[in-house]
N, C-alpha and C. Protein backbone atom coordinates (compact mmCIF):
# COMPACT_ATOMS: atom_id res chain seq x y z
N MET A 1 20.29 18.51 7.96
CA MET A 1 19.74 17.85 6.79
C MET A 1 20.29 16.43 6.74
N VAL A 2 19.45 15.49 6.39
CA VAL A 2 19.86 14.11 6.23
C VAL A 2 20.46 13.97 4.83
N PRO A 3 21.67 13.39 4.69
CA PRO A 3 22.26 13.26 3.35
C PRO A 3 21.30 12.56 2.38
N ASN A 4 21.06 13.18 1.25
CA ASN A 4 20.15 12.67 0.21
C ASN A 4 18.73 12.48 0.73
N GLY A 5 18.37 13.16 1.78
CA GLY A 5 17.04 12.99 2.36
C GLY A 5 16.44 14.31 2.77
N PRO A 6 15.52 14.26 3.73
CA PRO A 6 14.77 15.45 4.12
C PRO A 6 15.54 16.36 5.08
N MET A 7 15.03 17.56 5.21
CA MET A 7 15.51 18.47 6.25
C MET A 7 14.64 18.23 7.47
N LEU A 8 15.25 17.99 8.61
CA LEU A 8 14.49 17.78 9.84
C LEU A 8 14.41 19.10 10.58
N VAL A 9 13.17 19.52 10.88
CA VAL A 9 12.90 20.83 11.48
C VAL A 9 12.11 20.61 12.77
N GLU A 10 12.50 21.32 13.84
CA GLU A 10 11.73 21.24 15.07
C GLU A 10 10.38 21.89 14.86
N GLY A 11 9.32 21.19 15.24
CA GLY A 11 7.97 21.69 15.04
C GLY A 11 7.44 22.39 16.26
N PRO A 12 6.26 22.90 16.17
CA PRO A 12 5.37 22.88 15.00
C PRO A 12 5.87 23.84 13.93
N VAL A 13 5.46 23.58 12.68
CA VAL A 13 5.89 24.41 11.56
C VAL A 13 4.71 24.82 10.69
N GLU A 14 4.93 25.91 9.99
CA GLU A 14 4.00 26.39 8.97
C GLU A 14 4.84 26.69 7.75
N LEU A 15 4.55 26.01 6.64
CA LEU A 15 5.30 26.18 5.41
C LEU A 15 4.40 26.74 4.32
N VAL A 16 4.91 27.68 3.55
CA VAL A 16 4.18 28.23 2.42
C VAL A 16 4.94 27.84 1.17
N THR A 17 4.28 27.08 0.28
CA THR A 17 4.92 26.64 -0.96
C THR A 17 4.86 27.74 -2.01
N ASP A 18 5.59 27.53 -3.11
CA ASP A 18 5.67 28.53 -4.18
C ASP A 18 4.30 28.94 -4.73
N ASP A 19 3.33 28.01 -4.68
CA ASP A 19 1.99 28.33 -5.19
C ASP A 19 1.12 29.07 -4.17
N GLY A 20 1.71 29.41 -3.02
CA GLY A 20 0.98 30.19 -2.01
C GLY A 20 0.17 29.38 -1.02
N VAL A 21 0.19 28.07 -1.13
CA VAL A 21 -0.57 27.21 -0.22
C VAL A 21 0.21 27.07 1.10
N THR A 22 -0.49 27.21 2.22
CA THR A 22 0.12 27.06 3.54
C THR A 22 -0.11 25.65 4.06
N HIS A 23 0.99 25.01 4.50
CA HIS A 23 0.94 23.66 5.06
C HIS A 23 1.42 23.75 6.50
N THR A 24 0.71 23.08 7.42
CA THR A 24 1.09 23.13 8.83
C THR A 24 1.26 21.72 9.39
N SER A 25 2.11 21.62 10.40
CA SER A 25 2.29 20.37 11.13
C SER A 25 2.55 20.72 12.58
N ASP A 26 1.91 20.00 13.48
CA ASP A 26 2.12 20.25 14.91
C ASP A 26 3.01 19.20 15.55
N ARG A 27 3.71 18.43 14.74
CA ARG A 27 4.63 17.41 15.27
C ARG A 27 5.85 18.06 15.91
N PHE A 28 6.54 17.31 16.78
CA PHE A 28 7.73 17.82 17.45
C PHE A 28 8.90 17.97 16.47
N VAL A 29 9.01 17.03 15.53
CA VAL A 29 10.02 17.09 14.47
C VAL A 29 9.32 16.82 13.15
N VAL A 30 9.60 17.65 12.17
CA VAL A 30 8.95 17.55 10.87
C VAL A 30 10.01 17.28 9.81
N ALA A 31 9.77 16.30 8.94
CA ALA A 31 10.68 16.00 7.84
C ALA A 31 10.18 16.75 6.61
N VAL A 32 10.94 17.74 6.17
CA VAL A 32 10.57 18.56 5.02
C VAL A 32 11.32 18.02 3.80
N CYS A 33 10.58 17.73 2.74
CA CYS A 33 11.14 17.16 1.53
C CYS A 33 12.14 18.11 0.87
N ALA A 34 13.33 17.60 0.55
CA ALA A 34 14.35 18.39 -0.12
C ALA A 34 14.55 17.94 -1.57
N CYS A 35 13.97 16.80 -1.94
CA CYS A 35 14.20 16.26 -3.29
C CYS A 35 13.01 16.49 -4.23
N ARG A 36 11.88 16.90 -3.70
CA ARG A 36 10.65 17.16 -4.45
C ARG A 36 10.04 15.91 -5.09
N ARG A 37 10.39 14.73 -4.59
CA ARG A 37 9.80 13.49 -5.10
C ARG A 37 8.58 13.06 -4.28
N SER A 38 8.40 13.65 -3.12
CA SER A 38 7.35 13.25 -2.20
C SER A 38 5.95 13.50 -2.77
N LYS A 39 5.08 12.53 -2.57
CA LYS A 39 3.67 12.72 -2.94
C LYS A 39 2.96 13.55 -1.89
N ARG A 40 3.61 13.78 -0.75
CA ARG A 40 3.06 14.60 0.34
C ARG A 40 3.79 15.94 0.43
N TYR A 41 4.47 16.35 -0.65
CA TYR A 41 5.27 17.57 -0.64
C TYR A 41 4.45 18.73 -0.07
N PRO A 42 4.97 19.52 0.82
CA PRO A 42 6.38 19.72 1.17
C PRO A 42 6.90 18.80 2.26
N PHE A 43 6.09 17.83 2.71
CA PHE A 43 6.54 16.91 3.74
C PHE A 43 7.11 15.65 3.10
N CYS A 44 8.10 15.06 3.73
CA CYS A 44 8.78 13.88 3.20
C CYS A 44 7.92 12.63 3.38
N ASP A 45 7.89 11.78 2.35
CA ASP A 45 7.23 10.48 2.45
C ASP A 45 8.23 9.35 2.15
N THR A 46 9.49 9.63 2.23
CA THR A 46 10.64 8.74 1.99
C THR A 46 10.80 8.33 0.52
N SER A 47 10.22 9.07 -0.39
CA SER A 47 10.38 8.77 -1.82
C SER A 47 11.84 8.85 -2.25
N HIS A 48 12.65 9.64 -1.56
CA HIS A 48 14.07 9.78 -1.91
C HIS A 48 14.79 8.44 -1.79
N ARG A 49 14.29 7.52 -1.00
CA ARG A 49 14.92 6.21 -0.85
C ARG A 49 14.78 5.34 -2.08
N LYS A 50 13.77 5.59 -2.91
CA LYS A 50 13.51 4.79 -4.10
C LYS A 50 14.37 5.20 -5.28
N ARG A 51 15.06 6.31 -5.17
CA ARG A 51 15.86 6.84 -6.27
C ARG A 51 17.08 5.96 -6.51
N VAL A 52 17.35 5.67 -7.77
CA VAL A 52 18.56 4.95 -8.13
C VAL A 52 19.67 5.98 -8.27
N ARG A 53 20.71 5.81 -7.48
CA ARG A 53 21.80 6.77 -7.49
C ARG A 53 22.64 6.60 -8.74
N SER A 54 23.01 7.71 -9.35
CA SER A 54 23.80 7.67 -10.58
C SER A 54 25.19 7.13 -10.32
N ASP A 55 25.73 7.26 -9.10
CA ASP A 55 27.07 6.76 -8.82
C ASP A 55 27.08 5.26 -8.56
N ASP A 56 25.92 4.59 -8.68
CA ASP A 56 25.86 3.13 -8.60
C ASP A 56 25.96 2.48 -9.98
N SER A 57 26.09 3.29 -11.02
CA SER A 57 26.17 2.75 -12.36
C SER A 57 27.53 2.07 -12.55
N PRO A 58 27.60 1.06 -13.42
CA PRO A 58 28.87 0.35 -13.64
C PRO A 58 30.00 1.27 -14.08
N ALA A 59 29.68 2.29 -14.86
CA ALA A 59 30.72 3.19 -15.35
C ALA A 59 31.40 3.96 -14.24
N SER A 60 30.67 4.21 -13.15
CA SER A 60 31.25 4.97 -12.05
C SER A 60 32.24 4.14 -11.23
N HIS A 61 32.24 2.83 -11.44
CA HIS A 61 33.15 1.96 -10.69
C HIS A 61 34.42 1.65 -11.46
N GLU A 62 34.56 2.17 -12.67
CA GLU A 62 35.77 1.95 -13.46
C GLU A 62 36.90 2.79 -12.91
N ASP A 63 38.13 2.31 -13.13
CA ASP A 63 39.30 3.08 -12.70
C ASP A 63 39.42 4.35 -13.52
N ASN A 64 39.74 5.45 -12.86
CA ASN A 64 39.99 6.70 -13.57
C ASN A 64 41.42 6.70 -14.06
N ARG A 65 41.62 6.81 -15.36
CA ARG A 65 42.99 6.79 -15.91
C ARG A 65 43.29 8.06 -16.62
């Protein structure tokens, strides 16, 4: 798994989502979305890169006392 990103799976793959829909890919490596932000879910479209990380907030950079 890529940190804060998709799970990379050797293809071809067949995925069945919770709603029962089957998704297939015949690629050699398939990026499966782990954050559920993808508009192509269950496949990754790099939407996870647009997320603002909570640990980038100014409060997270203060000294812990």
